[in-house]
């Protein structure tokens, strides 16, 4: 288990132990609709068990679960580089700026170890935008969608 004494990378064999917390955190962070939940959870579980997605947990001083993050290592074929995509972040309580920086430094080290050249994520949550600014991220683009009503 990769660790910095408060943040741990959960091994694929440990996913079942954390599955309920992971499902809850990811559904909250990604705002998963009830009708999409089964497909979402099936894909997420497959990716985590095959280590195509990685789960990180932060524990407090009493080893109580504090935060969960899920990442994926993707390949940008246009720029010919690996990227660590943060799929979701969820915290059970407010994170201090100090802890936030500590957690992000851990993710940076993981990305470097995985030979990624950039860390990316998408969010429609203004709090996540604020966090991005705090830790030194820059905005790459904005994403929009248009619902075609059942198509």
Protein backbone atom coordinates (compact mmCIF):
# COMPACT_ATOMS: atom_id res chain seq x y z
CA UNK A 1 0.00 0.00 0.00
CA UNK A 2 1.54 3.31 -1.12
CA UNK A 3 1.27 5.85 1.71
CA UNK A 4 2.43 9.16 3.15
CA UNK A 5 1.20 8.26 6.66
CA UNK A 6 -2.27 9.80 6.11
CA UNK A 7 -3.08 9.09 2.47
CA UNK A 8 -3.13 5.52 1.17
CA UNK A 9 -3.48 3.99 -2.26
CA UNK A 10 -5.91 1.13 -1.89
CA UNK A 11 -4.77 -2.07 -3.58
CA UNK A 12 -7.27 -3.79 -5.91
CA UNK A 13 -7.69 -6.65 -3.41
CA UNK A 14 -8.69 -4.10 -0.74
CA UNK A 15 -11.45 -2.49 -2.84
CA UNK A 16 -14.21 -4.74 -1.42
CA UNK A 17 -13.40 -3.50 2.11
CA UNK A 18 -13.92 0.12 1.02
CA UNK A 19 -16.58 -0.48 -1.65
CA UNK A 20 -19.55 1.05 0.21
CA UNK A 21 -17.60 4.19 1.04
CA UNK A 22 -16.21 4.42 -2.52
CA UNK A 23 -19.70 4.06 -4.04
CA UNK A 24 -21.10 6.74 -1.75
CA UNK A 25 -18.22 9.18 -2.31
CA UNK A 26 -18.12 8.75 -6.09
CA UNK A 27 -21.91 8.97 -6.48
CA UNK A 28 -21.90 12.20 -4.47
CA UNK A 29 -18.90 13.74 -6.23
CA UNK A 30 -20.01 12.72 -9.73
CA UNK A 31 -23.71 13.44 -9.01
CA UNK A 32 -24.77 10.04 -10.34
CA UNK A 33 -28.49 9.76 -11.14
CA UNK A 34 -30.38 6.77 -9.67
CA UNK A 35 -31.19 5.40 -13.11
CA UNK A 36 -27.47 5.45 -14.03
CA UNK A 37 -26.15 4.08 -10.74
CA UNK A 38 -25.95 0.37 -11.63
CA UNK A 39 -23.96 0.96 -14.83
CA UNK A 40 -21.79 3.56 -13.12
CA UNK A 41 -20.96 1.23 -10.19
CA UNK A 42 -20.29 -1.76 -12.47
CA UNK A 43 -17.82 0.19 -14.59
CA UNK A 44 -16.17 1.76 -11.55
CA UNK A 45 -15.78 -1.57 -9.78
CA UNK A 46 -14.29 -3.24 -12.88
CA UNK A 47 -11.80 -0.40 -13.31
CA UNK A 48 -10.77 -0.43 -9.64
CA UNK A 49 -10.39 -4.21 -9.43
CA UNK A 50 -8.24 -4.25 -12.59
CA UNK A 51 -6.17 -1.26 -11.36
CA UNK A 52 -7.23 0.73 -14.42
CA UNK A 53 -8.60 3.18 -11.85
CA UNK A 54 -6.92 3.85 -8.52
CA UNK A 55 -8.53 4.67 -5.19
CA UNK A 56 -6.87 6.83 -2.55
CA UNK A 57 -8.15 7.33 0.97
CA UNK A 58 -7.14 9.84 3.62
CA UNK A 59 -7.44 8.78 7.23
CA UNK A 60 -7.41 11.08 10.22
CA UNK A 61 -5.27 10.60 13.34
CA UNK A 62 -7.74 7.98 14.67
CA UNK A 63 -7.70 6.05 11.35
CA UNK A 64 -11.20 7.23 10.50
CA UNK A 65 -11.93 7.68 6.81
CA UNK A 66 -11.72 11.38 5.95
CA UNK A 67 -11.57 11.62 2.14
CA UNK A 68 -11.69 9.47 -0.99
CA UNK A 69 -10.28 10.11 -4.44
CA UNK A 70 -10.44 8.02 -7.59
CA UNK A 71 -7.99 8.50 -10.45
CA UNK A 72 -7.34 6.95 -13.86
CA UNK A 73 -4.17 6.92 -15.92
CA UNK A 74 -5.07 7.91 -19.47
CA UNK A 75 -3.04 8.37 -22.64
CA UNK A 76 -3.40 11.55 -24.68
CA UNK A 77 -2.65 10.14 -28.13
CA UNK A 78 -2.45 13.60 -29.75
CA UNK A 79 0.24 14.85 -27.38
CA UNK A 80 1.67 11.35 -26.86
CA UNK A 81 1.71 11.54 -23.07
CA UNK A 82 0.24 9.88 -20.02
CA UNK A 83 -2.16 11.89 -17.87
CA UNK A 84 -3.45 11.21 -14.39
CA UNK A 85 -7.14 12.06 -14.50
CA UNK A 86 -8.79 12.68 -11.14
CA UNK A 87 -12.23 11.16 -11.62
CA UNK A 88 -13.66 12.21 -8.30
CA UNK A 89 -12.79 13.72 -4.95
CA UNK A 90 -14.99 13.54 -1.90
CA UNK A 91 -14.39 14.57 1.69
CA UNK A 92 -16.55 13.69 4.66
CA UNK A 93 -15.63 17.03 6.27
CA UNK A 94 -14.00 20.33 5.32
CA UNK A 95 -10.35 19.92 4.34
CA UNK A 96 -7.82 22.44 5.63
CA UNK A 97 -5.59 24.13 3.06
CA UNK A 98 -2.60 22.37 4.68
CA UNK A 99 -4.18 18.92 4.32
CA UNK A 100 -5.33 19.77 0.82
CA UNK A 101 -1.77 20.61 -0.22
CA UNK A 102 -0.46 17.45 1.49
CA UNK A 103 -3.01 15.28 -0.31
CA UNK A 104 -2.30 16.92 -3.66
CA UNK A 105 1.47 16.49 -3.19
CA UNK A 106 0.81 12.78 -2.68
CA UNK A 107 -1.16 12.65 -5.95
CA UNK A 108 1.67 14.52 -7.70
CA UNK A 109 4.18 11.94 -6.49
CA UNK A 110 1.91 9.10 -7.63
CA UNK A 111 1.53 10.74 -11.07
CA UNK A 112 5.29 11.16 -11.42
CA UNK A 113 5.88 7.53 -10.39
CA UNK A 114 3.36 6.48 -13.07
CA UNK A 115 5.29 8.63 -15.60
CA UNK A 116 2.37 10.98 -16.18
CA UNK A 117 3.14 14.43 -17.57
CA UNK A 118 0.00 16.21 -16.35
CA UNK A 119 -2.82 15.85 -13.83
CA UNK A 120 -6.31 16.66 -15.10
CA UNK A 121 -9.86 16.69 -13.80
CA UNK A 122 -13.28 18.04 -14.65
CA UNK A 123 -15.77 19.47 -12.21
CA UNK A 124 -18.88 21.59 -12.14
CA UNK A 125 -18.41 22.22 -8.42
CA UNK A 126 -17.30 25.80 -7.61
CA UNK A 127 -15.54 24.55 -4.44
CA UNK A 128 -13.35 22.29 -6.59
CA UNK A 129 -12.57 25.29 -8.85
CA UNK A 130 -11.48 27.22 -5.76
CA UNK A 131 -9.31 24.31 -4.64
CA UNK A 132 -7.75 24.13 -8.11
CA UNK A 133 -6.73 27.77 -7.89
CA UNK A 134 -5.37 27.27 -4.37
CA UNK A 135 -3.10 24.40 -5.42
CA UNK A 136 -1.85 26.10 -8.60
CA UNK A 137 -3.90 24.50 -11.39
CA UNK A 138 -4.80 26.34 -14.57
CA UNK A 139 -8.04 26.04 -16.50
CA UNK A 140 -7.63 24.19 -19.81
CA UNK A 141 -11.14 24.44 -21.22
CA UNK A 142 -14.79 24.37 -20.27
CA UNK A 143 -17.16 21.59 -21.22
CA UNK A 144 -20.81 22.01 -22.16
CA UNK A 145 -23.60 19.64 -23.11
CA UNK A 146 -26.94 19.92 -24.84
CA UNK A 147 -29.62 17.38 -23.92
CA UNK A 148 -31.36 15.97 -27.00
CA UNK A 149 -34.22 14.57 -24.93
CA UNK A 150 -34.06 10.79 -24.98
CA UNK A 151 -31.73 10.29 -27.93
